[in-house]
N, C-alpha and C. Protein backbone atom coordinates (compact mmCIF):
# COMPACT_ATOMS: atom_id res chain seq x y z
N MET A 1 127.96 117.72 77.89
CA MET A 1 127.27 117.66 79.52
C MET A 1 125.86 116.92 79.09
N ALA A 2 125.37 116.31 79.58
CA ALA A 2 124.00 115.59 79.95
C ALA A 2 123.56 116.27 80.88
N ARG A 3 122.33 116.06 81.04
CA ARG A 3 121.48 116.39 82.33
C ARG A 3 120.00 115.67 82.02
N PHE A 4 119.03 115.35 83.13
CA PHE A 4 117.69 114.63 83.30
C PHE A 4 116.99 115.50 82.30
N GLY A 5 115.86 114.62 81.69
CA GLY A 5 114.67 115.22 81.12
C GLY A 5 113.73 114.99 81.94
N SER A 6 112.48 115.82 81.91
CA SER A 6 111.44 115.94 82.84
C SER A 6 110.25 115.43 82.37
N ASN A 7 110.71 113.98 82.16
CA ASN A 7 109.28 112.75 81.70
C ASN A 7 109.95 111.15 82.05
N MET A 8 109.29 110.78 82.79
CA MET A 8 109.63 109.44 83.54
C MET A 8 108.46 108.31 83.21
N LYS A 9 108.61 107.51 83.40
CA LYS A 9 107.80 105.87 83.45
C LYS A 9 107.86 105.33 84.22
N MET A 10 107.32 104.55 85.20
CA MET A 10 107.41 103.40 85.73
C MET A 10 105.98 102.61 85.19
N THR A 11 106.19 101.18 85.95
CA THR A 11 105.17 100.07 85.72
C THR A 11 104.84 99.83 86.51
N VAL A 12 103.56 99.66 87.01
CA VAL A 12 102.71 99.30 88.41
C VAL A 12 101.34 98.15 88.02
N ALA A 13 101.65 97.54 88.99
CA ALA A 13 100.20 96.29 89.35
C ALA A 13 99.33 97.33 89.04
N ALA A 14 98.36 96.74 87.93
CA ALA A 14 96.84 97.15 88.00
C ALA A 14 95.60 97.28 88.76
N ARG A 15 96.36 96.78 90.06
CA ARG A 15 95.40 96.81 91.22
C ARG A 15 95.52 98.15 92.12
N TYR A 16 96.72 98.56 91.62
CA TYR A 16 97.14 99.89 92.58
C TYR A 16 96.75 101.19 91.48
N GLN A 17 96.05 100.92 90.42
CA GLN A 17 95.56 102.15 89.60
C GLN A 17 94.97 103.31 90.52
N GLU A 18 93.64 102.94 90.93
CA GLU A 18 93.03 104.19 91.73
C GLU A 18 93.98 104.53 92.80
N ALA A 19 94.58 103.97 93.68
CA ALA A 19 95.45 104.52 94.70
C ALA A 19 96.35 105.47 93.96
N THR A 20 96.93 105.19 93.30
CA THR A 20 97.92 105.84 92.08
C THR A 20 97.53 107.13 91.86
N ARG A 21 96.32 107.08 91.41
CA ARG A 21 95.76 108.23 90.93
C ARG A 21 95.41 109.19 92.00
N LYS A 22 95.03 108.91 93.07
CA LYS A 22 94.53 109.61 94.24
C LYS A 22 95.94 110.21 94.73
N VAL A 23 97.24 109.72 94.84
CA VAL A 23 98.23 109.79 95.16
C VAL A 23 98.98 111.54 94.16
N TYR A 24 98.91 110.96 92.95
CA TYR A 24 99.35 112.03 92.21
C TYR A 24 98.30 112.80 91.50
N GLU A 25 96.93 112.62 91.40
CA GLU A 25 95.94 114.20 91.51
C GLU A 25 95.70 114.59 92.50
N GLY A 26 95.12 113.88 93.93
CA GLY A 26 94.76 114.25 95.00
C GLY A 26 95.86 114.96 95.93
N VAL A 27 96.80 114.15 95.91
CA VAL A 27 98.22 114.86 96.78
C VAL A 27 99.08 115.96 96.13
N LEU A 28 99.68 115.37 95.16
CA LEU A 28 100.64 116.06 94.36
C LEU A 28 100.28 117.15 93.49
N GLY A 29 98.75 117.18 93.03
CA GLY A 29 98.30 118.32 92.25
C GLY A 29 98.17 117.85 90.65
N CYS A 30 98.69 116.88 90.30
CA CYS A 30 99.03 116.68 88.62
C CYS A 30 97.68 116.61 88.17
N THR A 31 98.04 116.90 86.62
CA THR A 31 96.35 116.61 85.91
C THR A 31 97.19 115.27 85.46
N ARG A 32 95.91 114.83 85.06
CA ARG A 32 95.88 113.31 84.34
C ARG A 32 95.46 113.55 83.09
N GLN A 33 96.03 112.51 82.28
CA GLN A 33 95.46 112.31 80.77
C GLN A 33 95.51 110.66 80.46
N SER A 34 94.71 109.96 80.04
CA SER A 34 94.91 108.82 80.10
C SER A 34 94.40 108.26 78.62
N PRO A 35 95.76 108.04 77.74
CA PRO A 35 95.37 107.63 76.31
C PRO A 35 94.48 106.13 76.05
N ASN A 36 94.84 105.60 77.48
CA ASN A 36 93.74 104.27 77.30
C ASN A 36 93.59 103.71 78.71
N ASP A 37 92.87 102.55 78.94
CA ASP A 37 92.72 102.07 80.03
C ASP A 37 93.97 101.41 80.48
N THR A 38 95.12 101.63 80.40
CA THR A 38 96.49 100.84 81.23
C THR A 38 97.31 102.02 81.21
N ILE A 39 97.44 103.01 80.67
CA ILE A 39 98.10 104.59 80.74
C ILE A 39 97.86 105.55 81.48
N ASP A 40 98.64 105.92 82.39
CA ASP A 40 98.00 107.48 82.86
C ASP A 40 99.28 108.18 82.68
N LEU A 41 98.94 109.36 82.46
CA LEU A 41 100.16 110.42 81.89
C LEU A 41 99.80 111.09 83.09
N PHE A 42 100.63 111.41 84.12
CA PHE A 42 100.73 112.60 85.47
C PHE A 42 101.43 114.04 84.77
N ALA A 43 100.84 115.28 84.55
CA ALA A 43 101.81 116.15 84.22
C ALA A 43 101.88 117.27 85.66
N PHE A 44 103.11 117.63 85.86
CA PHE A 44 103.58 118.41 87.30
C PHE A 44 103.18 119.84 86.38
N GLU A 45 103.03 120.50 87.87
CA GLU A 45 102.94 122.27 87.68
C GLU A 45 103.92 122.78 86.67
N ASP A 46 105.20 122.12 86.64
CA ASP A 46 106.38 122.46 86.16
C ASP A 46 106.72 121.92 84.81
N GLY A 47 106.01 121.31 84.11
CA GLY A 47 106.05 120.50 83.27
C GLY A 47 106.38 119.32 82.90
N ALA A 48 106.70 119.07 83.97
CA ALA A 48 107.75 117.53 83.72
C ALA A 48 106.50 116.51 84.11
N SER A 49 106.49 115.28 83.70
CA SER A 49 105.58 114.11 83.56
C SER A 49 105.87 113.05 84.16
N ILE A 50 105.38 111.92 84.24
CA ILE A 50 105.18 110.50 84.25
C ILE A 50 104.22 109.89 83.89
N ALA A 51 104.41 108.79 83.29
CA ALA A 51 103.72 107.84 82.66
C ALA A 51 103.74 106.56 83.64
N VAL A 52 102.40 106.27 83.95
CA VAL A 52 102.21 105.06 84.50
C VAL A 52 101.27 104.00 83.80
N ASP A 53 102.23 102.41 83.25
CA ASP A 53 101.75 101.58 82.59
C ASP A 53 101.35 100.80 83.50
N TYR A 54 100.08 100.35 83.78
CA TYR A 54 99.59 99.62 84.62
C TYR A 54 99.34 98.11 83.75
N LYS A 55 99.91 97.31 84.59
CA LYS A 55 100.21 95.86 84.10
C LYS A 55 99.14 94.87 84.77
N HIS A 56 98.13 94.06 84.29
CA HIS A 56 97.32 93.36 84.83
C HIS A 56 98.16 91.71 84.92
N ASP A 57 99.22 91.69 84.38
CA ASP A 57 100.13 90.21 84.91
C ASP A 57 101.08 90.46 86.04
N ASP A 58 100.75 90.31 87.29
CA ASP A 58 101.84 90.43 88.38
C ASP A 58 103.41 90.07 87.46
N ALA A 59 103.67 88.78 86.96
CA ALA A 59 104.81 88.62 86.50
C ALA A 59 105.56 89.81 85.69
N GLU A 60 104.69 90.59 85.05
CA GLU A 60 105.32 91.66 84.51
C GLU A 60 106.08 92.95 85.79
N VAL A 61 105.89 92.99 86.48
CA VAL A 61 106.06 93.84 87.40
C VAL A 61 106.54 93.69 88.50
N LEU A 62 107.32 94.61 89.28
CA LEU A 62 108.05 94.44 90.51
C LEU A 62 107.31 94.47 91.44
N THR A 63 107.70 93.71 92.63
CA THR A 63 106.51 93.66 93.65
C THR A 63 107.35 94.84 94.56
N PRO A 64 106.29 95.45 95.52
CA PRO A 64 106.66 96.59 96.05
C PRO A 64 107.96 96.25 96.92
N GLU A 65 108.27 95.23 97.40
CA GLU A 65 109.72 95.22 98.17
C GLU A 65 110.81 95.16 97.09
N GLN A 66 110.61 94.55 95.99
CA GLN A 66 111.49 94.74 94.56
C GLN A 66 111.97 95.96 94.63
N HIS A 67 110.76 96.90 94.14
CA HIS A 67 110.68 98.26 93.42
C HIS A 67 111.75 98.96 94.84
N LYS A 68 111.47 99.15 95.94
CA LYS A 68 112.18 99.90 97.13
C LYS A 68 113.43 99.41 96.89
N ALA A 69 113.85 98.02 96.71
CA ALA A 69 115.21 97.42 96.85
C ALA A 69 115.92 97.81 95.77
N MET A 70 115.17 98.23 94.44
CA MET A 70 116.06 97.89 93.00
C MET A 70 115.68 98.89 92.34
N GLY A 71 114.36 99.41 92.51
CA GLY A 71 113.98 100.63 91.44
C GLY A 71 114.49 101.51 91.71
N THR A 72 114.37 102.90 90.60
CA THR A 72 114.60 103.93 90.73
C THR A 72 113.87 104.65 91.71
N TRP A 73 114.63 105.81 92.57
CA TRP A 73 113.76 106.55 93.34
C TRP A 73 113.62 107.59 92.95
N ILE A 74 112.56 108.49 92.99
CA ILE A 74 112.30 109.84 92.40
C ILE A 74 112.30 111.04 93.38
N GLU A 75 112.81 112.42 93.11
CA GLU A 75 112.42 113.42 94.21
C GLU A 75 111.38 114.23 93.57
N ILE A 76 110.66 114.29 94.39
CA ILE A 76 109.10 115.28 93.99
C ILE A 76 109.69 116.68 94.93
N ALA A 77 109.47 117.87 94.17
CA ALA A 77 109.96 119.16 94.92
C ALA A 77 108.05 119.58 95.29
N VAL A 78 108.03 119.89 96.38
CA VAL A 78 106.69 120.51 96.67
C VAL A 78 106.69 121.64 97.18
N ALA A 79 105.78 122.65 97.50
CA ALA A 79 106.04 123.93 97.99
C ALA A 79 105.82 123.76 99.65
N ASP A 80 105.20 123.13 100.23
CA ASP A 80 104.75 122.59 101.61
C ASP A 80 105.32 121.33 101.87
N GLU A 81 106.49 121.09 102.43
CA GLU A 81 107.10 119.43 102.48
C GLU A 81 105.64 119.07 103.78
N GLU A 82 105.59 119.77 104.65
CA GLU A 82 104.70 119.12 105.96
C GLU A 82 103.52 118.83 105.42
N ALA A 83 102.86 119.42 104.47
CA ALA A 83 101.73 119.31 104.12
C ALA A 83 101.48 118.26 103.23
N ALA A 84 102.20 118.05 102.24
CA ALA A 84 102.75 117.04 101.37
C ALA A 84 102.68 115.80 101.66
N ALA A 85 103.63 115.87 103.23
CA ALA A 85 103.98 114.70 104.04
C ALA A 85 102.68 114.00 104.49
N THR A 86 101.73 114.71 105.18
CA THR A 86 100.88 114.52 105.86
C THR A 86 100.01 114.10 104.84
N ALA A 87 99.43 114.44 103.82
CA ALA A 87 98.48 113.78 102.96
C ALA A 87 99.25 112.55 102.33
N LEU A 88 100.50 112.41 101.74
CA LEU A 88 100.59 111.23 101.45
C LEU A 88 100.52 110.15 102.61
N ALA A 89 100.77 110.30 103.81
CA ALA A 89 101.07 109.54 105.00
C ALA A 89 99.18 109.03 105.60
N ALA A 90 98.43 109.87 104.57
CA ALA A 90 96.90 109.51 104.92
C ALA A 90 96.28 108.80 104.05
N CYS A 91 97.18 108.60 102.80
CA CYS A 91 96.61 107.91 101.81
C CYS A 91 96.75 106.22 101.81
N GLU A 92 95.96 105.66 101.53
CA GLU A 92 95.92 104.26 101.38
C GLU A 92 97.06 103.52 100.66
N GLY A 93 97.76 102.85 101.26
CA GLY A 93 98.88 102.40 100.02
C GLY A 93 100.13 103.02 100.39
N VAL A 94 100.47 103.88 100.56
CA VAL A 94 101.48 104.79 101.14
C VAL A 94 101.94 104.42 102.53
N THR A 95 103.54 104.24 102.16
CA THR A 95 104.26 103.98 103.53
C THR A 95 105.21 104.89 103.61
N ALA A 96 105.69 105.34 104.79
CA ALA A 96 106.56 106.38 105.03
C ALA A 96 107.65 105.36 105.65
N PHE A 97 109.06 105.74 105.62
CA PHE A 97 110.08 105.01 106.02
C PHE A 97 111.25 105.91 105.92
N GLU A 98 112.24 105.76 107.05
CA GLU A 98 113.41 106.09 107.09
C GLU A 98 114.43 105.49 106.19
N PHE A 99 115.75 107.06 105.83
CA PHE A 99 116.50 106.24 105.39
C PHE A 99 117.93 106.82 105.77
N VAL A 100 118.86 107.09 105.09
CA VAL A 100 120.29 107.49 105.43
C VAL A 100 120.17 109.41 105.71
N THR A 101 119.18 110.04 105.15
CA THR A 101 119.34 111.57 104.90
C THR A 101 118.12 111.97 105.91
N GLU A 102 117.54 113.53 106.13
CA GLU A 102 117.19 113.59 106.91
C GLU A 102 115.36 113.97 106.01
N HIS A 103 115.81 113.75 104.74
CA HIS A 103 114.42 113.75 103.70
C HIS A 103 113.35 112.58 104.54
N ARG A 104 112.31 112.90 103.96
CA ARG A 104 110.94 112.20 104.03
C ARG A 104 110.67 111.20 102.71
N TYR A 105 110.96 109.75 103.02
CA TYR A 105 110.72 109.17 102.12
C TYR A 105 109.58 108.30 102.20
N PHE A 106 108.90 108.08 100.88
CA PHE A 106 107.38 107.20 100.92
C PHE A 106 107.18 106.41 99.80
N GLN A 107 106.93 105.08 99.84
CA GLN A 107 106.74 104.15 99.08
C GLN A 107 105.33 104.35 98.59
N LEU A 108 105.00 104.70 97.16
CA LEU A 108 103.72 104.76 96.96
C LEU A 108 102.79 103.42 96.50
N PRO A 109 101.83 103.25 96.57
CA PRO A 109 100.91 102.19 95.71
C PRO A 109 101.78 101.52 94.76
N GLY A 110 102.08 100.14 94.85
CA GLY A 110 102.83 99.47 93.86
C GLY A 110 104.09 99.18 93.91
N GLY A 111 104.77 100.27 94.96
CA GLY A 111 106.21 99.96 95.36
C GLY A 111 107.13 100.98 94.76
N GLN A 112 106.84 101.91 94.01
CA GLN A 112 107.82 103.47 93.59
C GLN A 112 107.84 104.24 94.98
N VAL A 113 109.30 104.48 95.04
CA VAL A 113 109.98 105.43 96.52
C VAL A 113 109.80 107.05 95.99
N VAL A 114 109.41 107.74 96.30
CA VAL A 114 109.72 109.18 96.30
C VAL A 114 110.48 109.74 97.66
N ARG A 115 111.08 111.04 97.64
CA ARG A 115 111.55 111.66 98.50
C ARG A 115 110.90 113.33 98.08
N LEU A 116 110.55 113.84 99.51
CA LEU A 116 110.26 114.85 99.02
C LEU A 116 111.05 116.17 99.29
N GLN A 117 111.13 117.09 98.36
CA GLN A 117 111.95 118.10 98.68
C GLN A 117 111.38 119.68 98.53
N ARG A 118 111.39 120.65 99.50
CA ARG A 118 111.34 121.82 99.39
C ARG A 118 111.73 122.82 98.04
């Protein structure tokens, strides 16, 4: 039987680096390590992590529209869904949208889609 691991990676246009950091550190409470100028490693409280690889050439990344349509969506568990949703909605470059379930969906700067879960 297989199961998901606790580490993920996504690629984002470099112009979204600061906005991405604000979401993961400021809203979601992750700690960040940056082994170099183009990689951030965000660690969640439960030990899971996501690496963000920032690309300077737009040809190397999906557009936000392509991310939403074709990229993998991730679910993030939060203690207070209402507070997290409010904080995300207030972030520059974050867009809330509806999908077929009652969960809250957000497109982060650069295109990554997340769903909040309690």
